[in-house]
Amino acid sequence: MTLRNSCWPMSRDPDKWVQQLCRAFTDPLLVYPPEDPSLIPQDLKFQITAERLAQTMNAGYGGSIEEATDSEALLYLMTVSFAAPFNQDWYGIYTHLFGKYAERRGVRLPEDLREDVERYRELGDHRLRLLNDLKRWIQKQKDKAYRERRRQPRSEEPERNPFRQLTLDLYAEEFKQSF
């Protein structure tokens, strides 16, 4: 019995799964301008890749990925927070994501921040819907960048960006009202 038959659902196109695995390493990191690589913690980059791999493994052969990971949403919101303050909903979402990230990293938080993290440990329906919408939007932007990259002729070299960041406009129509 092979690993494919015993552990993963059957698929008509296992190559799609391999492409998804490759995308875990090569998809861009979405940030809000300015593109300053020094603003992105190395351990967050590693966490994003690890979560992408886990997400791909959970999707299995033929499965599709509809949402970005929590760490990708945290990264995008972190860079947005440098440009504009959050309203209460987005502050709660950001604090929720940061709390999960800090817990995984074993970071001891100051008392005042610990209270906020505890308050937003669980998100209500409205905030959860906003977070899921953001994660779907990030995934759509990654898919769009992937399709554009695949359309480039092989002889043409893609624009080099060592941090594989895709600059997105905060005021995209889907989120114009949210922030």
C-alpha atoms as a PDB file:
ATOM      1  CA  MET A   1       0.000   0.000   0.000  1.00  0.00           C
ATOM      2  CA  THR A   2       1.372   3.416  -0.934  1.00  0.00           C
ATOM      3  CA  LEU A   3       1.377   6.548   1.151  1.00  0.00           C
ATOM      4  CA  ARG A   4      -0.866   8.261  -1.364  1.00  0.00           C
ATOM      5  CA  ASN A   5      -3.557   5.607  -1.135  1.00  0.00           C
ATOM      6  CA  SER A   6      -3.411   5.166   2.604  1.00  0.00           C
ATOM      7  CA  CYS A   7      -3.092   8.759   3.824  1.00  0.00           C
ATOM      8  CA  TRP A   8      -4.433  11.132   1.197  1.00  0.00           C
ATOM      9  CA  PRO A   9      -7.671  11.312  -0.734  1.00  0.00           C
ATOM     10  CA  MET A  10      -7.388  10.241  -4.345  1.00  0.00           C
ATOM     11  CA  SER A  11      -7.032  12.981  -6.911  1.00  0.00           C
ATOM     12  CA  ARG A  12      -7.158  13.289 -10.638  1.00  0.00           C
ATOM     13  CA  ASP A  13      -4.270  15.749 -10.537  1.00  0.00           C
ATOM     14  CA  PRO A  14      -1.587  15.156  -7.874  1.00  0.00           C
ATOM     15  CA  ASP A  15       0.540  17.774  -9.693  1.00  0.00           C
ATOM     16  CA  LYS A  16      -1.816  20.431  -8.361  1.00  0.00           C
ATOM     17  CA  TRP A  17      -0.910  19.375  -4.834  1.00  0.00           C
ATOM     18  CA  VAL A  18       2.812  19.618  -5.627  1.00  0.00           C
ATOM     19  CA  GLN A  19       2.194  23.113  -7.030  1.00  0.00           C
ATOM     20  CA  GLN A  20       0.445  24.060  -3.803  1.00  0.00           C
ATOM     21  CA  LEU A  21       3.407  22.772  -1.805  1.00  0.00           C
ATOM     22  CA  CYS A  22       5.750  24.909  -3.919  1.00  0.00           C
ATOM     23  CA  ARG A  23       3.501  27.918  -3.446  1.00  0.00           C
ATOM     24  CA  ALA A  24       3.894  27.596   0.326  1.00  0.00           C
ATOM     25  CA  PHE A  25       7.487  28.721  -0.216  1.00  0.00           C
ATOM     26  CA  THR A  26       7.102  31.066  -3.180  1.00  0.00           C
ATOM     27  CA  ASP A  27       3.835  32.966  -2.734  1.00  0.00           C
ATOM     28  CA  PRO A  28       4.370  36.635  -1.903  1.00  0.00           C
ATOM     29  CA  LEU A  29       4.081  38.068   1.570  1.00  0.00           C
ATOM     30  CA  LEU A  30       1.387  40.697   1.396  1.00  0.00           C
ATOM     31  CA  VAL A  31       2.206  43.931   3.162  1.00  0.00           C
ATOM     32  CA  TYR A  32       0.901  47.448   3.239  1.00  0.00           C
ATOM     33  CA  PRO A  33       3.234  50.096   1.797  1.00  0.00           C
ATOM     34  CA  PRO A  34       5.977  51.035   2.334  1.00  0.00           C
ATOM     35  CA  GLU A  35       7.785  47.828   1.432  1.00  0.00           C
ATOM     36  CA  ASP A  36      10.360  47.745   4.174  1.00  0.00           C
ATOM     37  CA  PRO A  37      11.704  44.212   4.686  1.00  0.00           C
ATOM     38  CA  SER A  38      13.163  45.198   8.052  1.00  0.00           C
ATOM     39  CA  LEU A  39       9.612  45.564   9.415  1.00  0.00           C
ATOM     40  CA  ILE A  40       8.894  41.849   9.012  1.00  0.00           C
ATOM     41  CA  PRO A  41      10.243  39.658  11.829  1.00  0.00           C
ATOM     42  CA  GLN A  42      12.153  36.616  10.568  1.00  0.00           C
ATOM     43  CA  ASP A  43      10.261  34.310  12.921  1.00  0.00           C
ATOM     44  CA  LEU A  44       6.952  35.547  11.482  1.00  0.00           C
ATOM     45  CA  LYS A  45       8.187  34.738   7.959  1.00  0.00           C
ATOM     46  CA  PHE A  46       9.076  31.245   9.159  1.00  0.00           C
ATOM     47  CA  GLN A  47       5.675  30.870  10.868  1.00  0.00           C
ATOM     48  CA  ILE A  48       3.887  31.885   7.667  1.00  0.00           C
ATOM     49  CA  THR A  49       5.737  29.235   5.661  1.00  0.00           C
ATOM     50  CA  ALA A  50       5.068  26.579   8.313  1.00  0.00           C
ATOM     51  CA  GLU A  51       1.352  27.417   8.412  1.00  0.00           C
ATOM     52  CA  ARG A  52       1.145  27.394   4.614  1.00  0.00           C
ATOM     53  CA  LEU A  53       2.714  23.924   4.528  1.00  0.00           C
ATOM     54  CA  ALA A  54       0.343  22.634   7.207  1.00  0.00           C
ATOM     55  CA  GLN A  55      -2.595  24.139   5.339  1.00  0.00           C
ATOM     56  CA  THR A  56      -1.528  22.421   2.107  1.00  0.00           C
ATOM     57  CA  MET A  57      -1.060  19.084   3.880  1.00  0.00           C
ATOM     58  CA  ASN A  58      -4.518  19.393   5.461  1.00  0.00           C
ATOM     59  CA  ALA A  59      -6.082  20.192   2.076  1.00  0.00           C
ATOM     60  CA  GLY A  60      -4.612  16.960   0.661  1.00  0.00           C
ATOM     61  CA  TYR A  61      -4.542  15.959  -2.982  1.00  0.00           C
ATOM     62  CA  GLY A  62      -6.989  17.943  -5.023  1.00  0.00           C
ATOM     63  CA  GLY A  63      -8.039  20.129  -2.118  1.00  0.00           C
ATOM     64  CA  SER A  64      -8.232  23.834  -2.592  1.00  0.00           C
ATOM     65  CA  ILE A  65      -7.074  26.562  -0.262  1.00  0.00           C
ATOM     66  CA  GLU A  66      -9.680  29.276   0.137  1.00  0.00           C
ATOM     67  CA  GLU A  67      -8.123  31.418   2.891  1.00  0.00           C
ATOM     68  CA  ALA A  68      -4.716  32.726   3.846  1.00  0.00           C
ATOM     69  CA  THR A  69      -3.270  31.677   7.189  1.00  0.00           C
ATOM     70  CA  ASP A  70      -3.624  33.519  10.491  1.00  0.00           C
ATOM     71  CA  SER A  71       0.038  34.544  10.354  1.00  0.00           C
ATOM     72  CA  GLU A  72      -0.416  36.074   6.901  1.00  0.00           C
ATOM     73  CA  ALA A  73      -3.373  38.091   8.211  1.00  0.00           C
ATOM     74  CA  LEU A  74      -1.251  39.155  11.205  1.00  0.00           C
ATOM     75  CA  LEU A  75       1.561  40.308   8.912  1.00  0.00           C
ATOM     76  CA  TYR A  76      -0.771  42.353   6.734  1.00  0.00           C
ATOM     77  CA  LEU A  77      -2.508  43.947   9.724  1.00  0.00           C
ATOM     78  CA  MET A  78       0.847  44.631  11.375  1.00  0.00           C
ATOM     79  CA  THR A  79       2.007  46.641   8.365  1.00  0.00           C
ATOM     80  CA  VAL A  80      -1.361  48.413   8.085  1.00  0.00           C
ATOM     81  CA  SER A  81      -1.068  49.471  11.731  1.00  0.00           C
ATOM     82  CA  PHE A  82       2.052  51.489  10.879  1.00  0.00           C
ATOM     83  CA  ALA A  83      -0.016  53.643   8.509  1.00  0.00           C
ATOM     84  CA  ALA A  84      -3.300  54.161  10.336  1.00  0.00           C
ATOM     85  CA  PRO A  85      -4.873  53.355  13.699  1.00  0.00           C
ATOM     86  CA  PHE A  86      -7.424  50.556  13.869  1.00  0.00           C
ATOM     87  CA  ASN A  87     -11.026  50.860  14.877  1.00  0.00           C
ATOM     88  CA  GLN A  88     -12.209  48.650  17.737  1.00  0.00           C
ATOM     89  CA  ASP A  89     -13.084  45.678  15.525  1.00  0.00           C
ATOM     90  CA  TRP A  90      -9.712  45.556  13.759  1.00  0.00           C
ATOM     91  CA  TYR A  91      -7.849  46.174  17.028  1.00  0.00           C
ATOM     92  CA  GLY A  92      -9.631  43.146  18.484  1.00  0.00           C
ATOM     93  CA  ILE A  93      -8.764  41.017  15.439  1.00  0.00           C
ATOM     94  CA  TYR A  94      -5.127  42.155  15.471  1.00  0.00           C
ATOM     95  CA  THR A  95      -4.838  41.494  19.203  1.00  0.00           C
ATOM     96  CA  HIS A  96      -6.436  38.052  18.757  1.00  0.00           C
ATOM     97  CA  LEU A  97      -3.935  37.111  16.036  1.00  0.00           C
ATOM     98  CA  PHE A  98      -0.999  38.558  17.956  1.00  0.00           C
ATOM     99  CA  GLY A  99      -2.042  36.626  21.068  1.00  0.00           C
ATOM    100  CA  LYS A 100      -2.031  33.348  19.120  1.00  0.00           C
ATOM    101  CA  TYR A 101       1.348  34.194  17.617  1.00  0.00           C
ATOM    102  CA  ALA A 102       2.880  35.196  20.972  1.00  0.00           C
ATOM    103  CA  GLU A 103       1.545  32.034  22.602  1.00  0.00           C
ATOM    104  CA  ARG A 104       3.177  29.847  19.936  1.00  0.00           C
ATOM    105  CA  ARG A 105       6.446  31.734  20.396  1.00  0.00           C
ATOM    106  CA  GLY A 106       6.294  31.499  24.191  1.00  0.00           C
ATOM    107  CA  VAL A 107       6.528  35.279  24.602  1.00  0.00           C
ATOM    108  CA  ARG A 108       5.751  36.725  28.036  1.00  0.00           C
ATOM    109  CA  LEU A 109       3.534  39.750  27.493  1.00  0.00           C
ATOM    110  CA  PRO A 110       3.303  42.862  29.690  1.00  0.00           C
ATOM    111  CA  GLU A 111       0.278  42.906  32.015  1.00  0.00           C
ATOM    112  CA  ASP A 112      -1.747  45.528  30.122  1.00  0.00           C
ATOM    113  CA  LEU A 113      -1.262  43.749  26.803  1.00  0.00           C
ATOM    114  CA  ARG A 114      -2.018  40.396  28.433  1.00  0.00           C
ATOM    115  CA  GLU A 115      -5.423  41.745  29.502  1.00  0.00           C
ATOM    116  CA  ASP A 116      -6.248  42.766  25.927  1.00  0.00           C
ATOM    117  CA  VAL A 117      -5.047  39.445  24.516  1.00  0.00           C
ATOM    118  CA  GLU A 118      -7.235  37.620  27.027  1.00  0.00           C
ATOM    119  CA  ARG A 119     -10.233  39.839  26.190  1.00  0.00           C
ATOM    120  CA  TYR A 120      -9.911  39.011  22.484  1.00  0.00           C
ATOM    121  CA  ARG A 121      -8.885  35.360  22.839  1.00  0.00           C
ATOM    122  CA  GLU A 122     -12.240  34.406  21.274  1.00  0.00           C
ATOM    123  CA  LEU A 123     -13.693  36.536  18.499  1.00  0.00           C
ATOM    124  CA  GLY A 124     -17.395  37.238  18.184  1.00  0.00           C
ATOM    125  CA  ASP A 125     -19.267  36.426  14.984  1.00  0.00           C
ATOM    126  CA  HIS A 126     -18.840  39.892  13.474  1.00  0.00           C
ATOM    127  CA  ARG A 127     -15.069  40.041  14.039  1.00  0.00           C
ATOM    128  CA  LEU A 128     -14.641  36.447  12.936  1.00  0.00           C
ATOM    129  CA  ARG A 129     -16.473  37.276   9.708  1.00  0.00           C
ATOM    130  CA  LEU A 130     -14.185  40.305   9.169  1.00  0.00           C
ATOM    131  CA  LEU A 131     -11.093  38.148   9.774  1.00  0.00           C
ATOM    132  CA  ASN A 132     -12.293  35.442   7.377  1.00  0.00           C
ATOM    133  CA  ASP A 133     -13.076  38.083   4.742  1.00  0.00           C
ATOM    134  CA  LEU A 134      -9.558  39.493   5.132  1.00  0.00           C
ATOM    135  CA  LYS A 135      -7.989  36.039   4.839  1.00  0.00           C
ATOM    136  CA  ARG A 136     -10.018  35.266   1.707  1.00  0.00           C
ATOM    137  CA  TRP A 137      -9.001  38.630   0.226  1.00  0.00           C
ATOM    138  CA  ILE A 138      -5.310  37.939   0.950  1.00  0.00           C
ATOM    139  CA  GLN A 139      -5.638  34.494  -0.661  1.00  0.00           C
ATOM    140  CA  LYS A 140      -7.251  36.031  -3.758  1.00  0.00           C
ATOM    141  CA  GLN A 141      -4.346  38.460  -4.065  1.00  0.00           C
ATOM    142  CA  LYS A 142      -1.861  35.593  -3.758  1.00  0.00           C
ATOM    143  CA  ASP A 143      -3.765  33.581  -6.381  1.00  0.00           C
ATOM    144  CA  LYS A 144      -3.797  36.594  -8.684  1.00  0.00           C
ATOM    145  CA  ALA A 145      -0.022  37.065  -8.283  1.00  0.00           C
ATOM    146  CA  TYR A 146       0.488  33.331  -8.936  1.00  0.00           C
ATOM    147  CA  ARG A 147      -1.566  33.446 -12.144  1.00  0.00           C
ATOM    148  CA  GLU A 148       0.340  36.517 -13.342  1.00  0.00           C
ATOM    149  CA  ARG A 149       3.643  34.819 -12.597  1.00  0.00           C
ATOM    150  CA  ARG A 150       2.567  31.721 -14.546  1.00  0.00           C
ATOM    151  CA  ARG A 151       1.536  33.806 -17.569  1.00  0.00           C
ATOM    152  CA  GLN A 152       5.024  35.231 -17.959  1.00  0.00           C
ATOM    153  CA  PRO A 153       6.953  33.588 -20.766  1.00  0.00           C
ATOM    154  CA  ARG A 154       9.679  31.304 -19.479  1.00  0.00           C
ATOM    155  CA  SER A 155      12.372  33.312 -21.262  1.00  0.00           C
ATOM    156  CA  GLU A 156      11.306  36.512 -19.522  1.00  0.00           C
ATOM    157  CA  GLU A 157      12.817  36.926 -16.098  1.00  0.00           C
ATOM    158  CA  PRO A 158      10.324  37.950 -13.421  1.00  0.00           C
ATOM    159  CA  GLU A 159      10.999  41.126 -11.481  1.00  0.00           C
ATOM    160  CA  ARG A 160      13.324  40.238  -8.626  1.00  0.00           C
ATOM    161  CA  ASN A 161      12.279  41.034  -5.105  1.00  0.00           C
ATOM    162  CA  PRO A 162      14.255  39.109  -2.531  1.00  0.00           C
ATOM    163  CA  PHE A 163      11.423  39.301  -0.023  1.00  0.00           C
ATOM    164  CA  ARG A 164       8.687  38.288  -2.501  1.00  0.00           C
ATOM    165  CA  GLN A 165       6.406  40.986  -1.216  1.00  0.00           C
ATOM    166  CA  LEU A 166       3.370  42.155  -3.067  1.00  0.00           C
ATOM    167  CA  THR A 167       2.369  45.680  -2.271  1.00  0.00           C
ATOM    168  CA  LEU A 168      -1.350  46.019  -1.864  1.00  0.00           C
ATOM    169  CA  ASP A 169      -3.430  49.113  -1.552  1.00  0.00           C
ATOM    170  CA  LEU A 170      -5.191  49.294   1.806  1.00  0.00           C
ATOM    171  CA  TYR A 171      -8.043  51.090   0.174  1.00  0.00           C
ATOM    172  CA  ALA A 172      -9.011  48.179  -2.015  1.00  0.00           C
ATOM    173  CA  GLU A 173     -12.722  48.267  -2.527  1.00  0.00           C
ATOM    174  CA  GLU A 174     -13.416  45.222  -0.319  1.00  0.00           C
ATOM    175  CA  PHE A 175     -11.923  46.878   2.761  1.00  0.00           C
ATOM    176  CA  LYS A 176     -12.494  50.576   2.149  1.00  0.00           C
ATOM    177  CA  GLN A 177     -15.207  50.707   4.799  1.00  0.00           C
ATOM    178  CA  SER A 178     -13.640  48.293   7.300  1.00  0.00           C
ATOM    179  CA  PHE A 179     -10.648  50.258   8.506  1.00  0.00           C
END
